[in-house]
């Protein structure tokens, strides 16, 4: 089975609704971390790179479900304003379950 790792960085105010909707489409696990940083929305004219708070969500999913997960995140987290965040999808070479010491396939 092919797996993907989805990493999303979104605004704090979107996290509850995003995680609720991810559970509703069958996402069984995710990691949520408070983060701070800057990106495309940084004020390049001020000379200072002030960081802003955000939430990082990491999810391992099947290749087939990855696009649906991305669409849920983007659909909810989108405001149209600078700083809405990003979603990245990466292939996963191998995935193991520590409890059983076996491949997740």
PDB file of N, CA and C in Angstrom:
ATOM      1  N   UNK A   1       0.848  -1.171   0.000  1.00  0.00           N
ATOM      2  CA  UNK A   1       0.000   0.000   0.000  1.00  0.00           C
ATOM      3  C   UNK A   1       0.896   1.238   0.000  1.00  0.00           C
ATOM      4  N   UNK A   2       0.491   2.260  -0.711  1.00  0.00           N
ATOM      5  CA  UNK A   2       1.253   3.501  -0.756  1.00  0.00           C
ATOM      6  C   UNK A   2       0.708   4.490   0.272  1.00  0.00           C
ATOM      7  N   UNK A   3       1.638   5.111   1.006  1.00  0.00           N
ATOM      8  CA  UNK A   3       1.268   6.077   2.035  1.00  0.00           C
ATOM      9  C   UNK A   3       1.794   7.461   1.700  1.00  0.00           C
ATOM     10  N   UNK A   4       1.147   8.457   2.290  1.00  0.00           N
ATOM     11  CA  UNK A   4       1.560   9.849   2.156  1.00  0.00           C
ATOM     12  C   UNK A   4       1.602  10.479   3.540  1.00  0.00           C
ATOM     13  N   UNK A   5       2.493  11.461   3.697  1.00  0.00           N
ATOM     14  CA  UNK A   5       2.514  12.278   4.909  1.00  0.00           C
ATOM     15  C   UNK A   5       2.014  13.652   4.520  1.00  0.00           C
ATOM     16  N   UNK A   6       0.979  14.091   5.194  1.00  0.00           N
ATOM     17  CA  UNK A   6       0.392  15.406   4.937  1.00  0.00           C
ATOM     18  C   UNK A   6       0.776  16.303   6.106  1.00  0.00           C
ATOM     19  N   UNK A   7       1.372  17.437   5.788  1.00  0.00           N
ATOM     20  CA  UNK A   7       1.729  18.431   6.797  1.00  0.00           C
ATOM     21  C   UNK A   7       1.008  19.715   6.442  1.00  0.00           C
ATOM     22  N   UNK A   8       0.241  20.224   7.384  1.00  0.00           N
ATOM     23  CA  UNK A   8      -0.483  21.476   7.166  1.00  0.00           C
ATOM     24  C   UNK A   8      -0.124  22.440   8.284  1.00  0.00           C
ATOM     25  N   UNK A   9       0.063  23.692   7.921  1.00  0.00           N
ATOM     26  CA  UNK A   9       0.242  24.748   8.908  1.00  0.00           C
ATOM     27  C   UNK A   9      -0.899  25.727   8.695  1.00  0.00           C
ATOM     28  N   UNK A  10      -1.712  25.894   9.740  1.00  0.00           N
ATOM     29  CA  UNK A  10      -2.928  26.693   9.619  1.00  0.00           C
ATOM     30  C   UNK A  10      -3.042  27.670  10.794  1.00  0.00           C
ATOM     31  N   UNK A  11      -4.016  28.551  10.701  1.00  0.00           N
ATOM     32  CA  UNK A  11      -4.290  29.491  11.784  1.00  0.00           C
ATOM     33  C   UNK A  11      -4.901  28.760  12.979  1.00  0.00           C
ATOM     34  N   UNK A  12      -4.639  29.300  14.181  1.00  0.00           N
ATOM     35  CA  UNK A  12      -5.194  28.708  15.406  1.00  0.00           C
ATOM     36  C   UNK A  12      -6.714  28.576  15.352  1.00  0.00           C
ATOM     37  N   UNK A  13      -7.370  29.595  14.855  1.00  0.00           N
ATOM     38  CA  UNK A  13      -8.834  29.605  14.903  1.00  0.00           C
ATOM     39  C   UNK A  13      -9.490  28.542  14.020  1.00  0.00           C
ATOM     40  N   UNK A  14      -8.719  27.913  13.126  1.00  0.00           N
ATOM     41  CA  UNK A  14      -9.292  26.901  12.241  1.00  0.00           C
ATOM     42  C   UNK A  14      -9.123  25.480  12.762  1.00  0.00           C
ATOM     43  N   UNK A  15      -8.269  25.268  13.754  1.00  0.00           N
ATOM     44  CA  UNK A  15      -7.877  23.910  14.128  1.00  0.00           C
ATOM     45  C   UNK A  15      -9.040  23.049  14.612  1.00  0.00           C
ATOM     46  N   UNK A  16      -9.929  23.560  15.440  1.00  0.00           N
ATOM     47  CA  UNK A  16     -11.025  22.726  15.955  1.00  0.00           C
ATOM     48  C   UNK A  16     -11.939  22.230  14.846  1.00  0.00           C
ATOM     49  N   UNK A  17     -12.302  23.115  13.945  1.00  0.00           N
ATOM     50  CA  UNK A  17     -13.190  22.732  12.845  1.00  0.00           C
ATOM     51  C   UNK A  17     -12.480  21.777  11.872  1.00  0.00           C
ATOM     52  N   UNK A  18     -11.192  22.036  11.606  1.00  0.00           N
ATOM     53  CA  UNK A  18     -10.431  21.155  10.712  1.00  0.00           C
ATOM     54  C   UNK A  18     -10.356  19.750  11.300  1.00  0.00           C
ATOM     55  N   UNK A  19      -9.964  19.629  12.570  1.00  0.00           N
ATOM     56  CA  UNK A  19      -9.819  18.295  13.158  1.00  0.00           C
ATOM     57  C   UNK A  19     -11.167  17.569  13.256  1.00  0.00           C
ATOM     58  N   UNK A  20     -12.223  18.290  13.553  1.00  0.00           N
ATOM     59  CA  UNK A  20     -13.561  17.677  13.600  1.00  0.00           C
ATOM     60  C   UNK A  20     -13.925  17.095  12.232  1.00  0.00           C
ATOM     61  N   UNK A  21     -13.707  17.862  11.190  1.00  0.00           N
ATOM     62  CA  UNK A  21     -14.053  17.402   9.842  1.00  0.00           C
ATOM     63  C   UNK A  21     -13.132  16.290   9.359  1.00  0.00           C
ATOM     64  N   UNK A  22     -11.875  16.298   9.775  1.00  0.00           N
ATOM     65  CA  UNK A  22     -10.978  15.201   9.415  1.00  0.00           C
ATOM     66  C   UNK A  22     -11.442  13.899  10.060  1.00  0.00           C
ATOM     67  N   UNK A  23     -11.877  13.960  11.304  1.00  0.00           N
ATOM     68  CA  UNK A  23     -12.413  12.760  11.955  1.00  0.00           C
ATOM     69  C   UNK A  23     -13.654  12.250  11.226  1.00  0.00           C
ATOM     70  N   UNK A  24     -14.489  13.178  10.769  1.00  0.00           N
ATOM     71  CA  UNK A  24     -15.724  12.790  10.072  1.00  0.00           C
ATOM     72  C   UNK A  24     -15.454  12.062   8.757  1.00  0.00           C
ATOM     73  N   UNK A  25     -14.315  12.330   8.101  1.00  0.00           N
ATOM     74  CA  UNK A  25     -14.009  11.623   6.848  1.00  0.00           C
ATOM     75  C   UNK A  25     -13.162  10.376   7.092  1.00  0.00           C
ATOM     76  N   UNK A  26     -12.940  10.041   8.378  1.00  0.00           N
ATOM     77  CA  UNK A  26     -12.273   8.786   8.692  1.00  0.00           C
ATOM     78  C   UNK A  26     -10.803   8.873   9.034  1.00  0.00           C
ATOM     79  N   UNK A  27     -10.270  10.054   9.238  1.00  0.00           N
ATOM     80  CA  UNK A  27      -8.874  10.161   9.654  1.00  0.00           C
ATOM     81  C   UNK A  27      -8.785   9.666  11.096  1.00  0.00           C
ATOM     82  N   UNK A  28      -7.982   8.622  11.308  1.00  0.00           N
ATOM     83  CA  UNK A  28      -7.937   7.979  12.618  1.00  0.00           C
ATOM     84  C   UNK A  28      -6.854   8.527  13.531  1.00  0.00           C
ATOM     85  N   UNK A  29      -5.892   9.229  12.988  1.00  0.00           N
ATOM     86  CA  UNK A  29      -4.831   9.748  13.831  1.00  0.00           C
ATOM     87  C   UNK A  29      -4.161  10.957  13.205  1.00  0.00           C
ATOM     88  N   UNK A  30      -3.697  11.850  14.050  1.00  0.00           N
ATOM     89  CA  UNK A  30      -2.980  13.034  13.585  1.00  0.00           C
ATOM     90  C   UNK A  30      -2.159  13.566  14.739  1.00  0.00           C
ATOM     91  N   UNK A  31      -1.145  14.332  14.409  1.00  0.00           N
ATOM     92  CA  UNK A  31      -0.331  15.007  15.409  1.00  0.00           C
ATOM     93  C   UNK A  31      -0.560  16.498  15.244  1.00  0.00           C
ATOM     94  N   UNK A  32      -0.824  17.186  16.348  1.00  0.00           N
ATOM     95  CA  UNK A  32      -1.085  18.624  16.316  1.00  0.00           C
ATOM     96  C   UNK A  32      -0.062  19.299  17.216  1.00  0.00           C
ATOM     97  N   UNK A  33       0.634  20.288  16.648  1.00  0.00           N
ATOM     98  CA  UNK A  33       1.698  20.973  17.363  1.00  0.00           C
ATOM     99  C   UNK A  33       1.537  22.480  17.215  1.00  0.00           C
ATOM    100  N   UNK A  34       1.735  23.214  18.304  1.00  0.00           N
ATOM    101  CA  UNK A  34       1.772  24.673  18.213  1.00  0.00           C
ATOM    102  C   UNK A  34       3.128  25.052  17.646  1.00  0.00           C
ATOM    103  N   UNK A  35       3.130  25.914  16.631  1.00  0.00           N
ATOM    104  CA  UNK A  35       4.370  26.331  15.983  1.00  0.00           C
ATOM    105  C   UNK A  35       4.408  27.845  15.859  1.00  0.00           C
ATOM    106  N   UNK A  36       5.559  28.345  15.500  1.00  0.00           N
ATOM    107  CA  UNK A  36       5.730  29.768  15.271  1.00  0.00           C
ATOM    108  C   UNK A  36       6.700  29.925  14.116  1.00  0.00           C
ATOM    109  N   UNK A  37       6.400  30.847  13.216  1.00  0.00           N
ATOM    110  CA  UNK A  37       7.290  31.047  12.079  1.00  0.00           C
ATOM    111  C   UNK A  37       6.804  32.153  11.176  1.00  0.00           C
ATOM    112  N   UNK A  38       7.432  32.252  10.033  1.00  0.00           N
ATOM    113  CA  UNK A  38       6.995  33.210   9.020  1.00  0.00           C
ATOM    114  C   UNK A  38       7.196  32.578   7.669  1.00  0.00           C
ATOM    115  N   UNK A  39       6.500  33.071   6.699  1.00  0.00           N
ATOM    116  CA  UNK A  39       6.575  32.507   5.359  1.00  0.00           C
ATOM    117  C   UNK A  39       6.275  33.557   4.326  1.00  0.00           C
ATOM    118  N   UNK A  40       5.493  33.186   3.368  1.00  0.00           N
ATOM    119  CA  UNK A  40       5.142  34.053   2.245  1.00  0.00           C
ATOM    120  C   UNK A  40       4.539  35.375   2.705  1.00  0.00           C
ATOM    121  N   UNK A  41       3.855  35.357   3.813  1.00  0.00           N
ATOM    122  CA  UNK A  41       3.151  36.544   4.316  1.00  0.00           C
ATOM    123  C   UNK A  41       4.060  37.513   5.072  1.00  0.00           C
ATOM    124  N   UNK A  42       5.357  37.191   5.226  1.00  0.00           N
ATOM    125  CA  UNK A  42       6.254  38.045   6.017  1.00  0.00           C
ATOM    126  C   UNK A  42       6.317  39.459   5.441  1.00  0.00           C
ATOM    127  N   UNK A  43       6.451  40.432   6.314  1.00  0.00           N
ATOM    128  CA  UNK A  43       6.558  41.841   5.914  1.00  0.00           C
ATOM    129  C   UNK A  43       8.001  42.116   5.490  1.00  0.00           C
ATOM    130  N   UNK A  44       8.259  42.045   4.204  1.00  0.00           N
ATOM    131  CA  UNK A  44       9.617  42.195   3.692  1.00  0.00           C
ATOM    132  C   UNK A  44      10.117  43.631   3.755  1.00  0.00           C
ATOM    133  N   UNK A  45       9.223  44.585   3.961  1.00  0.00           N
ATOM    134  CA  UNK A  45       9.610  45.989   3.966  1.00  0.00           C
ATOM    135  C   UNK A  45      10.002  46.489   5.347  1.00  0.00           C
ATOM    136  N   UNK A  46       9.647  45.788   6.388  1.00  0.00           N
ATOM    137  CA  UNK A  46       9.925  46.276   7.737  1.00  0.00           C
ATOM    138  C   UNK A  46      11.364  46.014   8.165  1.00  0.00           C
ATOM    139  N   UNK A  47      12.038  45.084   7.501  1.00  0.00           N
ATOM    140  CA  UNK A  47      13.396  44.737   7.888  1.00  0.00           C
ATOM    141  C   UNK A  47      13.437  43.710   9.006  1.00  0.00           C
ATOM    142  N   UNK A  48      12.377  43.567   9.750  1.00  0.00           N
ATOM    143  CA  UNK A  48      12.305  42.581  10.833  1.00  0.00           C
ATOM    144  C   UNK A  48      11.448  41.403  10.375  1.00  0.00           C
ATOM    145  N   UNK A  49      11.826  40.252  10.794  1.00  0.00           N
ATOM    146  CA  UNK A  49      11.058  39.050  10.460  1.00  0.00           C
ATOM    147  C   UNK A  49      10.302  38.597  11.687  1.00  0.00           C
ATOM    148  N   UNK A  50       9.189  39.239  11.971  1.00  0.00           N
ATOM    149  CA  UNK A  50       8.373  38.855  13.121  1.00  0.00           C
ATOM    150  C   UNK A  50       7.705  37.516  12.837  1.00  0.00           C
ATOM    151  N   UNK A  51       7.722  36.657  13.819  1.00  0.00           N
ATOM    152  CA  UNK A  51       7.072  35.364  13.650  1.00  0.00           C
ATOM    153  C   UNK A  51       5.627  35.450  14.106  1.00  0.00           C
ATOM    154  N   UNK A  52       4.830  34.540  13.576  1.00  0.00           N
ATOM    155  CA  UNK A  52       3.419  34.477  13.948  1.00  0.00           C
ATOM    156  C   UNK A  52       3.108  33.056  14.420  1.00  0.00           C
ATOM    157  N   UNK A  53       2.155  32.913  15.345  1.00  0.00           N
ATOM    158  CA  UNK A  53       1.800  31.579  15.830  1.00  0.00           C
ATOM    159  C   UNK A  53       0.931  30.845  14.816  1.00  0.00           C
ATOM    160  N   UNK A  54       1.017  29.538  14.858  1.00  0.00           N
ATOM    161  CA  UNK A  54       0.189  28.708  13.993  1.00  0.00           C
ATOM    162  C   UNK A  54       0.051  27.322  14.592  1.00  0.00           C
ATOM    163  N   UNK A  55      -0.637  26.472  13.871  1.00  0.00           N
ATOM    164  CA  UNK A  55      -0.820  25.079  14.270  1.00  0.00           C
ATOM    165  C   UNK A  55      -0.334  24.194  13.128  1.00  0.00           C
ATOM    166  N   UNK A  56       0.498  23.204  13.467  1.00  0.00           N
ATOM    167  CA  UNK A  56       0.946  22.232  12.466  1.00  0.00           C
ATOM    168  C   UNK A  56       0.203  20.926  12.699  1.00  0.00           C
ATOM    169  N   UNK A  57      -0.394  20.413  11.637  1.00  0.00           N
ATOM    170  CA  UNK A  57      -1.094  19.129  11.688  1.00  0.00           C
ATOM    171  C   UNK A  57      -0.341  18.168  10.780  1.00  0.00           C
ATOM    172  N   UNK A  58       0.006  16.997  11.319  1.00  0.00           N
ATOM    173  CA  UNK A  58       0.682  15.972  10.532  1.00  0.00           C
ATOM    174  C   UNK A  58      -0.180  14.717  10.521  1.00  0.00           C
ATOM    175  N   UNK A  59      -0.354  14.157   9.321  1.00  0.00           N
ATOM    176  CA  UNK A  59      -1.222  12.995   9.146  1.00  0.00           C
ATOM    177  C   UNK A  59      -0.546  12.023   8.190  1.00  0.00           C
ATOM    178  N   UNK A  60      -0.550  10.746   8.539  1.00  0.00           N
ATOM    179  CA  UNK A  60      -0.144   9.699   7.607  1.00  0.00           C
ATOM    180  C   UNK A  60      -1.426   9.098   7.055  1.00  0.00           C
ATOM    181  N   UNK A  61      -1.501   8.985   5.746  1.00  0.00           N
ATOM    182  CA  UNK A  61      -2.713   8.458   5.120  1.00  0.00           C
ATOM    183  C   UNK A  61      -2.347   7.605   3.914  1.00  0.00           C
ATOM    184  N   UNK A  62      -3.351   6.942   3.388  1.00  0.00           N
ATOM    185  CA  UNK A  62      -3.144   6.238   2.127  1.00  0.00           C
ATOM    186  C   UNK A  62      -3.056   7.269   0.998  1.00  0.00           C
ATOM    187  N   UNK A  63      -2.451   6.858  -0.081  1.00  0.00           N
ATOM    188  CA  UNK A  63      -2.342   7.746  -1.243  1.00  0.00           C
ATOM    189  C   UNK A  63      -3.721   8.171  -1.718  1.00  0.00           C
ATOM    190  N   UNK A  64      -4.672   7.244  -1.665  1.00  0.00           N
ATOM    191  CA  UNK A  64      -6.023   7.514  -2.148  1.00  0.00           C
ATOM    192  C   UNK A  64      -6.751   8.565  -1.313  1.00  0.00           C
ATOM    193  N   UNK A  65      -6.502   8.620  -0.014  1.00  0.00           N
ATOM    194  CA  UNK A  65      -7.225   9.547   0.850  1.00  0.00           C
ATOM    195  C   UNK A  65      -6.532  10.907   0.984  1.00  0.00           C
ATOM    196  N   UNK A  66      -5.302  11.018   0.528  1.00  0.00           N
ATOM    197  CA  UNK A  66      -4.513  12.241   0.726  1.00  0.00           C
ATOM    198  C   UNK A  66      -5.183  13.479   0.134  1.00  0.00           C
ATOM    199  N   UNK A  67      -5.687  13.388  -1.070  1.00  0.00           N
ATOM    200  CA  UNK A  67      -6.302  14.565  -1.693  1.00  0.00           C
ATOM    201  C   UNK A  67      -7.561  15.003  -0.948  1.00  0.00           C
ATOM    202  N   UNK A  68      -8.361  14.050  -0.497  1.00  0.00           N
ATOM    203  CA  UNK A  68      -9.567  14.389   0.268  1.00  0.00           C
ATOM    204  C   UNK A  68      -9.189  15.121   1.560  1.00  0.00           C
ATOM    205  N   UNK A  69      -8.150  14.638   2.227  1.00  0.00           N
ATOM    206  CA  UNK A  69      -7.685  15.292   3.450  1.00  0.00           C
ATOM    207  C   UNK A  69      -7.234  16.720   3.148  1.00  0.00           C
ATOM    208  N   UNK A  70      -6.456  16.895   2.100  1.00  0.00           N
ATOM    209  CA  UNK A  70      -6.008  18.246   1.714  1.00  0.00           C
ATOM    210  C   UNK A  70      -7.188  19.154   1.407  1.00  0.00           C
ATOM    211  N   UNK A  71      -8.167  18.644   0.710  1.00  0.00           N
ATOM    212  CA  UNK A  71      -9.336  19.458   0.362  1.00  0.00           C
ATOM    213  C   UNK A  71     -10.118  19.883   1.606  1.00  0.00           C
ATOM    214  N   UNK A  72     -10.238  18.994   2.583  1.00  0.00           N
ATOM    215  CA  UNK A  72     -10.922  19.342   3.830  1.00  0.00           C
ATOM    216  C   UNK A  72     -10.154  20.454   4.540  1.00  0.00           C
ATOM    217  N   UNK A  73      -8.847  20.294   4.677  1.00  0.00           N
ATOM    218  CA  UNK A  73      -8.035  21.307   5.367  1.00  0.00           C
ATOM    219  C   UNK A  73      -8.140  22.649   4.655  1.00  0.00           C
ATOM    220  N   UNK A  74      -7.935  22.659   3.345  1.00  0.00           N
ATOM    221  CA  UNK A  74      -7.959  23.920   2.596  1.00  0.00           C
ATOM    222  C   UNK A  74      -9.345  24.545   2.597  1.00  0.00           C
ATOM    223  N   UNK A  75     -10.376  23.726   2.506  1.00  0.00           N
ATOM    224  CA  UNK A  75     -11.734  24.254   2.479  1.00  0.00           C
ATOM    225  C   UNK A  75     -12.112  24.969   3.764  1.00  0.00           C
ATOM    226  N   UNK A  76     -11.612  24.468   4.871  1.00  0.00           N
ATOM    227  CA  UNK A  76     -11.953  25.068   6.165  1.00  0.00           C
ATOM    228  C   UNK A  76     -10.989  26.190   6.538  1.00  0.00           C
ATOM    229  N   UNK A  77      -9.694  25.992   6.298  1.00  0.00           N
ATOM    230  CA  UNK A  77      -8.684  26.966   6.744  1.00  0.00           C
ATOM    231  C   UNK A  77      -8.590  28.193   5.835  1.00  0.00           C
ATOM    232  N   UNK A  78      -9.166  28.136   4.653  1.00  0.00           N
ATOM    233  CA  UNK A  78      -9.070  29.251   3.702  1.00  0.00           C
ATOM    234  C   UNK A  78      -9.898  30.450   4.142  1.00  0.00           C
ATOM    235  N   UNK A  79      -9.231  31.611   4.230  1.00  0.00           N
ATOM    236  CA  UNK A  79      -9.942  32.869   4.479  1.00  0.00           C
ATOM    237  C   UNK A  79      -9.735  33.837   3.325  1.00  0.00           C
ATOM    238  N   UNK A  80      -8.718  33.549   2.498  1.00  0.00           N
ATOM    239  CA  UNK A  80      -8.382  34.452   1.403  1.00  0.00           C
ATOM    240  C   UNK A  80      -7.404  35.534   1.812  1.00  0.00           C
ATOM    241  N   UNK A  81      -7.002  35.508   3.074  1.00  0.00           N
ATOM    242  CA  UNK A  81      -6.057  36.507   3.574  1.00  0.00           C
ATOM    243  C   UNK A  81      -4.650  35.917   3.629  1.00  0.00           C
ATOM    244  N   UNK A  82      -3.677  36.786   3.591  1.00  0.00           N
ATOM    245  CA  UNK A  82      -2.291  36.374   3.746  1.00  0.00           C
ATOM    246  C   UNK A  82      -2.123  35.673   5.085  1.00  0.00           C
ATOM    247  N   UNK A  83      -1.376  34.574   5.085  1.00  0.00           N
ATOM    248  CA  UNK A  83      -1.155  33.840   6.330  1.00  0.00           C
ATOM    249  C   UNK A  83      -2.108  32.691   6.560  1.00  0.00           C
ATOM    250  N   UNK A  84      -2.914  32.330   5.559  1.00  0.00           N
ATOM    251  CA  UNK A  84      -3.828  31.198   5.707  1.00  0.00           C
ATOM    252  C   UNK A  84      -3.086  29.890   5.979  1.00  0.00           C
ATOM    253  N   UNK A  85      -1.874  29.754   5.466  1.00  0.00           N
ATOM    254  CA  UNK A  85      -1.083  28.562   5.733  1.00  0.00           C
ATOM    255  C   UNK A  85      -0.726  27.790   4.493  1.00  0.00           C
ATOM    256  N   UNK A  86      -0.244  26.568   4.698  1.00  0.00           N
ATOM    257  CA  UNK A  86       0.186  25.699   3.606  1.00  0.00           C
ATOM    258  C   UNK A  86      -0.231  24.259   3.898  1.00  0.00           C
ATOM    259  N   UNK A  87      -0.248  23.457   2.844  1.00  0.00           N
ATOM    260  CA  UNK A  87      -0.430  22.009   2.968  1.00  0.00           C
ATOM    261  C   UNK A  87       0.598  21.364   2.044  1.00  0.00           C
ATOM    262  N   UNK A  88       1.370  20.429   2.596  1.00  0.00           N
ATOM    263  CA  UNK A  88       2.372  19.706   1.806  1.00  0.00           C
ATOM    264  C   UNK A  88       2.071  18.214   1.883  1.00  0.00           C
ATOM    265  N   UNK A  89       2.276  17.524   0.763  1.00  0.00           N
ATOM    266  CA  UNK A  89       2.075  16.077   0.710  1.00  0.00           C
ATOM    267  C   UNK A  89       3.383  15.442   0.248  1.00  0.00           C
ATOM    268  N   UNK A  90       3.850  14.474   1.027  1.00  0.00           N
ATOM    269  CA  UNK A  90       5.103  13.799   0.710  1.00  0.00           C
ATOM    270  C   UNK A  90       4.883  12.293   0.642  1.00  0.00           C
ATOM    271  N   UNK A  91       5.592  11.614  -0.258  1.00  0.00           N
ATOM    272  CA  UNK A  91       5.509  10.153  -0.270  1.00  0.00           C
ATOM    273  C   UNK A  91       6.212   9.568   0.949  1.00  0.00           C
ATOM    274  N   UNK A  92       5.733   8.426   1.412  1.00  0.00           N
ATOM    275  CA  UNK A  92       6.332   7.728   2.550  1.00  0.00           C
ATOM    276  C   UNK A  92       6.887   6.410   2.035  1.00  0.00           C
ATOM    277  N   UNK A  93       8.180   6.206   2.225  1.00  0.00           N
ATOM    278  CA  UNK A  93       8.807   4.972   1.748  1.00  0.00           C
ATOM    279  C   UNK A  93       8.354   3.753   2.528  1.00  0.00           C
ATOM    280  N   UNK A  94       8.384   3.870   3.847  1.00  0.00           N
ATOM    281  CA  UNK A  94       7.987   2.753   4.697  1.00  0.00           C
ATOM    282  C   UNK A  94       7.271   3.303   5.921  1.00  0.00           C
ATOM    283  N   UNK A  95       6.342   2.523   6.462  1.00  0.00           N
ATOM    284  CA  UNK A  95       5.602   2.921   7.650  1.00  0.00           C
ATOM    285  C   UNK A  95       5.452   1.691   8.539  1.00  0.00           C
ATOM    286  N   UNK A  96       5.873   1.823   9.797  1.00  0.00           N
ATOM    287  CA  UNK A  96       5.840   0.696  10.729  1.00  0.00           C
ATOM    288  C   UNK A  96       5.015   1.054  11.956  1.00  0.00           C
ATOM    289  N   UNK A  97       4.392   0.066  12.523  1.00  0.00           N
ATOM    290  CA  UNK A  97       3.681   0.209  13.794  1.00  0.00           C
ATOM    291  C   UNK A  97       4.620  -0.284  14.892  1.00  0.00           C
ATOM    292  N   UNK A  98       4.944   0.591  15.830  1.00  0.00           N
ATOM    293  CA  UNK A  98       5.887   0.241  16.890  1.00  0.00           C
ATOM    294  C   UNK A  98       5.316  -0.863  17.771  1.00  0.00           C
ATOM    295  N   UNK A  99       4.029  -0.789  18.094  1.00  0.00           N
ATOM    296  CA  UNK A  99       3.408  -1.771  18.991  1.00  0.00           C
ATOM    297  C   UNK A  99       3.600  -3.197  18.495  1.00  0.00           C
ATOM    298  N   UNK A 100       3.422  -3.416  17.188  1.00  0.00           N
ATOM    299  CA  UNK A 100       3.495  -4.765  16.637  1.00  0.00           C
ATOM    300  C   UNK A 100       4.823  -5.046  15.935  1.00  0.00           C
ATOM    301  N   UNK A 101       5.648  -3.996  15.808  1.00  0.00           N
ATOM    302  CA  UNK A 101       6.927  -4.108  15.090  1.00  0.00           C
ATOM    303  C   UNK A 101       6.737  -4.628  13.671  1.00  0.00           C
ATOM    304  N   UNK A 102       5.617  -4.239  13.073  1.00  0.00           N
ATOM    305  CA  UNK A 102       5.319  -4.722  11.729  1.00  0.00           C
ATOM    306  C   UNK A 102       5.066  -3.558  10.780  1.00  0.00           C
ATOM    307  N   UNK A 103       5.149  -3.868   9.508  1.00  0.00           N
ATOM    308  CA  UNK A 103       4.844  -2.884   8.477  1.00  0.00           C
ATOM    309  C   UNK A 103       3.354  -2.552   8.545  1.00  0.00           C
ATOM    310  N   UNK A 104       3.016  -1.320   8.236  1.00  0.00           N
ATOM    311  CA  UNK A 104       1.612  -0.888   8.285  1.00  0.00           C
ATOM    312  C   UNK A 104       0.805  -1.394   7.102  1.00  0.00           C
ATOM    313  N   UNK A 105       1.427  -2.082   6.179  1.00  0.00           N
ATOM    314  CA  UNK A 105       0.688  -2.596   4.997  1.00  0.00           C
ATOM    315  C   UNK A 105      -0.363  -3.598   5.364  1.00  0.00           C
TER     316      UNK A 105
END
